[in-house]
Structures are given as structure tokens and as C-alpha cells.
């Protein structure tokens, strides 16, 4: 994911964000980078529960 830092894409698809967070110590930062690369559309697909920071954010919206 570090190769995408600084890049933008028309559409971004993030699959299983909880697994991205759990994969490494900097998982939450990696997820942030993935979520902030979309210019026009962001799609998040998940079967596992969303990570807590995403749940707190979606409740505030």
C-alpha cells in the first residue's frame, strides 16, 4: 500500500478493512491511506465487523 501514498484514483475498492488493520502494526495507517485515495467513488466491502475507528466515524455522520 505504501506505493499508493500520494496517488489518487477515480474509484477505490477496499475489501475487508479489519484485515488490513490486523495485518501489521501500522495497519490503521495503511487503511487510512487506502480510504483517502478515492477521487470520485469509494467502495468498502466487508463481511467481518468494521474496525472501531470506522464505526465511530460512521455513527457521527
PDB file of N, CA and C in Angstrom:
ATOM      1  N   UNK A   1       0.827  -1.192   0.000  1.00  0.00           N
ATOM      2  CA  UNK A   1       0.000   0.000   0.000  1.00  0.00           C
ATOM      3  C   UNK A   1       0.870   1.254   0.000  1.00  0.00           C
ATOM      4  N   UNK A   2       2.076   1.185   0.478  1.00  0.00           N
ATOM      5  CA  UNK A   2       2.897   2.382   0.541  1.00  0.00           C
ATOM      6  C   UNK A   2       3.188   2.962  -0.839  1.00  0.00           C
ATOM      7  N   UNK A   3       3.084   2.155  -1.890  1.00  0.00           N
ATOM      8  CA  UNK A   3       3.283   2.665  -3.240  1.00  0.00           C
ATOM      9  C   UNK A   3       2.152   3.597  -3.663  1.00  0.00           C
ATOM     10  N   UNK A   4       1.000   3.482  -3.033  1.00  0.00           N
ATOM     11  CA  UNK A   4      -0.147   4.313  -3.386  1.00  0.00           C
ATOM     12  C   UNK A   4      -0.127   5.664  -2.671  1.00  0.00           C
ATOM     13  N   UNK A   5       0.753   5.825  -1.692  1.00  0.00           N
ATOM     14  CA  UNK A   5       0.787   7.067  -0.933  1.00  0.00           C
ATOM     15  C   UNK A   5       1.092   8.244  -1.857  1.00  0.00           C
ATOM     16  N   UNK A   6       0.232   9.249  -1.826  1.00  0.00           N
ATOM     17  CA  UNK A   6       0.402  10.409  -2.678  1.00  0.00           C
ATOM     18  C   UNK A   6      -0.318  10.295  -4.009  1.00  0.00           C
ATOM     19  N   UNK A   7      -0.801   9.115  -4.340  1.00  0.00           N
ATOM     20  CA  UNK A   7      -1.537   8.921  -5.592  1.00  0.00           C
ATOM     21  C   UNK A   7      -3.028   9.028  -5.342  1.00  0.00           C
ATOM     22  N   UNK A   8      -3.772   9.341  -6.389  1.00  0.00           N
ATOM     23  CA  UNK A   8      -5.225   9.383  -6.311  1.00  0.00           C
ATOM     24  C   UNK A   8      -5.806   8.550  -7.446  1.00  0.00           C
ATOM     25  N   UNK A   9      -6.963   7.964  -7.194  1.00  0.00           N
ATOM     26  CA  UNK A   9      -7.631   7.103  -8.163  1.00  0.00           C
ATOM     27  C   UNK A   9      -9.096   7.519  -8.266  1.00  0.00           C
ATOM     28  N   UNK A  10      -9.684   7.384  -9.442  1.00  0.00           N
ATOM     29  CA  UNK A  10     -11.102   7.720  -9.605  1.00  0.00           C
ATOM     30  C   UNK A  10     -11.970   6.892  -8.677  1.00  0.00           C
ATOM     31  N   UNK A  11     -11.720   5.593  -8.631  1.00  0.00           N
ATOM     32  CA  UNK A  11     -12.505   4.680  -7.809  1.00  0.00           C
ATOM     33  C   UNK A  11     -11.566   3.809  -6.989  1.00  0.00           C
ATOM     34  N   UNK A  12     -11.900   3.628  -5.722  1.00  0.00           N
ATOM     35  CA  UNK A  12     -11.122   2.767  -4.836  1.00  0.00           C
ATOM     36  C   UNK A  12     -12.064   1.737  -4.231  1.00  0.00           C
ATOM     37  N   UNK A  13     -11.631   0.485  -4.217  1.00  0.00           N
ATOM     38  CA  UNK A  13     -12.366  -0.614  -3.608  1.00  0.00           C
ATOM     39  C   UNK A  13     -11.515  -1.155  -2.473  1.00  0.00           C
ATOM     40  N   UNK A  14     -12.015  -1.063  -1.251  1.00  0.00           N
ATOM     41  CA  UNK A  14     -11.313  -1.581  -0.081  1.00  0.00           C
ATOM     42  C   UNK A  14     -12.085  -2.816   0.388  1.00  0.00           C
ATOM     43  N   UNK A  15     -11.398  -3.946   0.431  1.00  0.00           N
ATOM     44  CA  UNK A  15     -12.025  -5.208   0.820  1.00  0.00           C
ATOM     45  C   UNK A  15     -11.501  -5.617   2.186  1.00  0.00           C
ATOM     46  N   UNK A  16     -12.410  -5.896   3.088  1.00  0.00           N
ATOM     47  CA  UNK A  16     -12.123  -6.333   4.453  1.00  0.00           C
ATOM     48  C   UNK A  16     -11.152  -5.392   5.186  1.00  0.00           C
ATOM     49  N   UNK A  17     -11.590  -4.185   5.499  1.00  0.00           N
ATOM     50  CA  UNK A  17     -10.721  -3.233   6.180  1.00  0.00           C
ATOM     51  C   UNK A  17     -10.193  -3.741   7.524  1.00  0.00           C
ATOM     52  N   UNK A  18     -10.937  -4.567   8.231  1.00  0.00           N
ATOM     53  CA  UNK A  18     -10.461  -5.093   9.519  1.00  0.00           C
ATOM     54  C   UNK A  18      -9.221  -5.957   9.327  1.00  0.00           C
ATOM     55  N   UNK A  19      -9.143  -6.656   8.220  1.00  0.00           N
ATOM     56  CA  UNK A  19      -7.966  -7.487   7.952  1.00  0.00           C
ATOM     57  C   UNK A  19      -6.752  -6.630   7.620  1.00  0.00           C
ATOM     58  N   UNK A  20      -6.967  -5.489   6.979  1.00  0.00           N
ATOM     59  CA  UNK A  20      -5.860  -4.568   6.704  1.00  0.00           C
ATOM     60  C   UNK A  20      -5.302  -4.054   8.029  1.00  0.00           C
ATOM     61  N   UNK A  21      -6.184  -3.681   8.946  1.00  0.00           N
ATOM     62  CA  UNK A  21      -5.759  -3.167  10.251  1.00  0.00           C
ATOM     63  C   UNK A  21      -5.026  -4.243  11.043  1.00  0.00           C
ATOM     64  N   UNK A  22      -5.515  -5.468  10.999  1.00  0.00           N
ATOM     65  CA  UNK A  22      -4.934  -6.561  11.791  1.00  0.00           C
ATOM     66  C   UNK A  22      -3.636  -7.106  11.202  1.00  0.00           C
ATOM     67  N   UNK A  23      -3.347  -6.813   9.955  1.00  0.00           N
ATOM     68  CA  UNK A  23      -2.215  -7.432   9.262  1.00  0.00           C
ATOM     69  C   UNK A  23      -0.857  -6.989   9.795  1.00  0.00           C
ATOM     70  N   UNK A  24      -0.765  -5.793  10.352  1.00  0.00           N
ATOM     71  CA  UNK A  24       0.529  -5.295  10.827  1.00  0.00           C
ATOM     72  C   UNK A  24       0.320  -4.190  11.848  1.00  0.00           C
ATOM     73  N   UNK A  25       1.384  -3.804  12.483  1.00  0.00           N
ATOM     74  CA  UNK A  25       1.313  -2.757  13.499  1.00  0.00           C
ATOM     75  C   UNK A  25       0.838  -1.421  12.970  1.00  0.00           C
ATOM     76  N   UNK A  26       1.168  -1.128  11.713  1.00  0.00           N
ATOM     77  CA  UNK A  26       0.743   0.136  11.105  1.00  0.00           C
ATOM     78  C   UNK A  26      -0.506  -0.043  10.249  1.00  0.00           C
ATOM     79  N   UNK A  27      -1.283  -1.061  10.547  1.00  0.00           N
ATOM     80  CA  UNK A  27      -2.465  -1.386   9.747  1.00  0.00           C
ATOM     81  C   UNK A  27      -3.480  -0.259   9.647  1.00  0.00           C
ATOM     82  N   UNK A  28      -3.675   0.464  10.739  1.00  0.00           N
ATOM     83  CA  UNK A  28      -4.650   1.563  10.713  1.00  0.00           C
ATOM     84  C   UNK A  28      -4.182   2.685   9.792  1.00  0.00           C
ATOM     85  N   UNK A  29      -2.892   2.959   9.783  1.00  0.00           N
ATOM     86  CA  UNK A  29      -2.359   3.968   8.861  1.00  0.00           C
ATOM     87  C   UNK A  29      -2.494   3.502   7.421  1.00  0.00           C
ATOM     88  N   UNK A  30      -2.252   2.217   7.169  1.00  0.00           N
ATOM     89  CA  UNK A  30      -2.397   1.671   5.814  1.00  0.00           C
ATOM     90  C   UNK A  30      -3.840   1.789   5.346  1.00  0.00           C
ATOM     91  N   UNK A  31      -4.775   1.505   6.242  1.00  0.00           N
ATOM     92  CA  UNK A  31      -6.193   1.632   5.888  1.00  0.00           C
ATOM     93  C   UNK A  31      -6.536   3.081   5.590  1.00  0.00           C
ATOM     94  N   UNK A  32      -6.020   4.009   6.372  1.00  0.00           N
ATOM     95  CA  UNK A  32      -6.259   5.435   6.130  1.00  0.00           C
ATOM     96  C   UNK A  32      -5.797   5.828   4.729  1.00  0.00           C
ATOM     97  N   UNK A  33      -4.612   5.380   4.350  1.00  0.00           N
ATOM     98  CA  UNK A  33      -4.096   5.692   3.010  1.00  0.00           C
ATOM     99  C   UNK A  33      -5.041   5.143   1.950  1.00  0.00           C
ATOM    100  N   UNK A  34      -5.482   3.896   2.113  1.00  0.00           N
ATOM    101  CA  UNK A  34      -6.391   3.289   1.135  1.00  0.00           C
ATOM    102  C   UNK A  34      -7.705   4.068   1.035  1.00  0.00           C
ATOM    103  N   UNK A  35      -8.243   4.471   2.179  1.00  0.00           N
ATOM    104  CA  UNK A  35      -9.538   5.162   2.193  1.00  0.00           C
ATOM    105  C   UNK A  35      -9.471   6.579   1.657  1.00  0.00           C
ATOM    106  N   UNK A  36      -8.302   7.173   1.653  1.00  0.00           N
ATOM    107  CA  UNK A  36      -8.199   8.576   1.231  1.00  0.00           C
ATOM    108  C   UNK A  36      -7.642   8.732  -0.180  1.00  0.00           C
ATOM    109  N   UNK A  37      -7.561   7.686  -0.940  1.00  0.00           N
ATOM    110  CA  UNK A  37      -7.046   7.770  -2.308  1.00  0.00           C
ATOM    111  C   UNK A  37      -8.148   7.998  -3.335  1.00  0.00           C
ATOM    112  N   UNK A  38      -9.406   7.833  -2.965  1.00  0.00           N
ATOM    113  CA  UNK A  38     -10.513   7.938  -3.914  1.00  0.00           C
ATOM    114  C   UNK A  38     -10.828   9.389  -4.249  1.00  0.00           C
ATOM    115  N   UNK A  39     -11.030   9.663  -5.550  1.00  0.00           N
ATOM    116  CA  UNK A  39     -11.425  10.996  -6.005  1.00  0.00           C
ATOM    117  C   UNK A  39     -12.939  11.042  -6.240  1.00  0.00           C
ATOM    118  N   UNK A  40     -13.487  10.024  -6.905  1.00  0.00           N
ATOM    119  CA  UNK A  40     -14.910  10.032  -7.267  1.00  0.00           C
ATOM    120  C   UNK A  40     -15.751   9.046  -6.478  1.00  0.00           C
ATOM    121  N   UNK A  41     -15.213   7.838  -6.229  1.00  0.00           N
ATOM    122  CA  UNK A  41     -16.020   6.807  -5.573  1.00  0.00           C
ATOM    123  C   UNK A  41     -15.152   5.943  -4.672  1.00  0.00           C
ATOM    124  N   UNK A  42     -15.684   5.656  -3.494  1.00  0.00           N
ATOM    125  CA  UNK A  42     -15.040   4.753  -2.550  1.00  0.00           C
ATOM    126  C   UNK A  42     -16.030   3.663  -2.194  1.00  0.00           C
ATOM    127  N   UNK A  43     -15.631   2.412  -2.363  1.00  0.00           N
ATOM    128  CA  UNK A  43     -16.476   1.262  -2.025  1.00  0.00           C
ATOM    129  C   UNK A  43     -15.741   0.440  -0.980  1.00  0.00           C
ATOM    130  N   UNK A  44     -16.442   0.097   0.086  1.00  0.00           N
ATOM    131  CA  UNK A  44     -15.869  -0.731   1.150  1.00  0.00           C
ATOM    132  C   UNK A  44     -16.721  -1.985   1.260  1.00  0.00           C
ATOM    133  N   UNK A  45     -16.096  -3.137   1.006  1.00  0.00           N
ATOM    134  CA  UNK A  45     -16.779  -4.428   1.090  1.00  0.00           C
ATOM    135  C   UNK A  45     -16.244  -5.179   2.298  1.00  0.00           C
ATOM    136  N   UNK A  46     -17.166  -5.707   3.118  1.00  0.00           N
ATOM    137  CA  UNK A  46     -16.711  -6.441   4.298  1.00  0.00           C
ATOM    138  C   UNK A  46     -17.770  -7.412   4.774  1.00  0.00           C
ATOM    139  N   UNK A  47     -17.304  -8.538   5.274  1.00  0.00           N
ATOM    140  CA  UNK A  47     -18.162  -9.493   5.973  1.00  0.00           C
ATOM    141  C   UNK A  47     -17.831  -9.436   7.462  1.00  0.00           C
ATOM    142  N   UNK A  48     -16.545  -9.192   7.771  1.00  0.00           N
ATOM    143  CA  UNK A  48     -16.107  -9.037   9.155  1.00  0.00           C
ATOM    144  C   UNK A  48     -16.569  -7.678   9.668  1.00  0.00           C
ATOM    145  N   UNK A  49     -16.721  -7.528  10.984  1.00  0.00           N
ATOM    146  CA  UNK A  49     -17.079  -6.216  11.533  1.00  0.00           C
ATOM    147  C   UNK A  49     -16.025  -5.170  11.157  1.00  0.00           C
ATOM    148  N   UNK A  50     -16.476  -3.944  10.961  1.00  0.00           N
ATOM    149  CA  UNK A  50     -15.560  -2.856  10.635  1.00  0.00           C
ATOM    150  C   UNK A  50     -14.676  -2.539  11.841  1.00  0.00           C
ATOM    151  N   UNK A  51     -13.470  -2.051  11.607  1.00  0.00           N
ATOM    152  CA  UNK A  51     -12.619  -1.621  12.721  1.00  0.00           C
ATOM    153  C   UNK A  51     -13.299  -0.504  13.514  1.00  0.00           C
ATOM    154  N   UNK A  52     -13.048  -0.448  14.809  1.00  0.00           N
ATOM    155  CA  UNK A  52     -13.698   0.520  15.695  1.00  0.00           C
ATOM    156  C   UNK A  52     -13.606   1.971  15.206  1.00  0.00           C
ATOM    157  N   UNK A  53     -12.460   2.449  14.721  1.00  0.00           N
ATOM    158  CA  UNK A  53     -12.420   3.845  14.250  1.00  0.00           C
ATOM    159  C   UNK A  53     -13.406   4.130  13.108  1.00  0.00           C
ATOM    160  N   UNK A  54     -13.668   3.144  12.257  1.00  0.00           N
ATOM    161  CA  UNK A  54     -14.642   3.353  11.184  1.00  0.00           C
ATOM    162  C   UNK A  54     -16.069   3.349  11.727  1.00  0.00           C
ATOM    163  N   UNK A  55     -16.332   2.530  12.727  1.00  0.00           N
ATOM    164  CA  UNK A  55     -17.668   2.517  13.330  1.00  0.00           C
ATOM    165  C   UNK A  55     -17.963   3.827  14.024  1.00  0.00           C
ATOM    166  N   UNK A  56     -16.983   4.363  14.738  1.00  0.00           N
ATOM    167  CA  UNK A  56     -17.177   5.634  15.442  1.00  0.00           C
ATOM    168  C   UNK A  56     -17.410   6.761  14.441  1.00  0.00           C
ATOM    169  N   UNK A  57     -16.696   6.753  13.323  1.00  0.00           N
ATOM    170  CA  UNK A  57     -16.844   7.785  12.305  1.00  0.00           C
ATOM    171  C   UNK A  57     -18.201   7.697  11.621  1.00  0.00           C
ATOM    172  N   UNK A  58     -18.649   6.477  11.278  1.00  0.00           N
ATOM    173  CA  UNK A  58     -19.927   6.335  10.579  1.00  0.00           C
ATOM    174  C   UNK A  58     -21.097   6.715  11.488  1.00  0.00           C
ATOM    175  N   UNK A  59     -20.973   6.546  12.782  1.00  0.00           N
ATOM    176  CA  UNK A  59     -22.021   6.936  13.704  1.00  0.00           C
ATOM    177  C   UNK A  59     -22.124   8.455  13.815  1.00  0.00           C
ATOM    178  N   UNK A  60     -21.015   9.147  13.600  1.00  0.00           N
ATOM    179  CA  UNK A  60     -21.005  10.603  13.708  1.00  0.00           C
ATOM    180  C   UNK A  60     -21.570  11.276  12.470  1.00  0.00           C
ATOM    181  N   UNK A  61     -21.646  10.551  11.354  1.00  0.00           N
ATOM    182  CA  UNK A  61     -22.104  11.152  10.083  1.00  0.00           C
ATOM    183  C   UNK A  61     -23.593  11.194  10.008  1.00  0.00           C
TER     184      UNK A  61
END
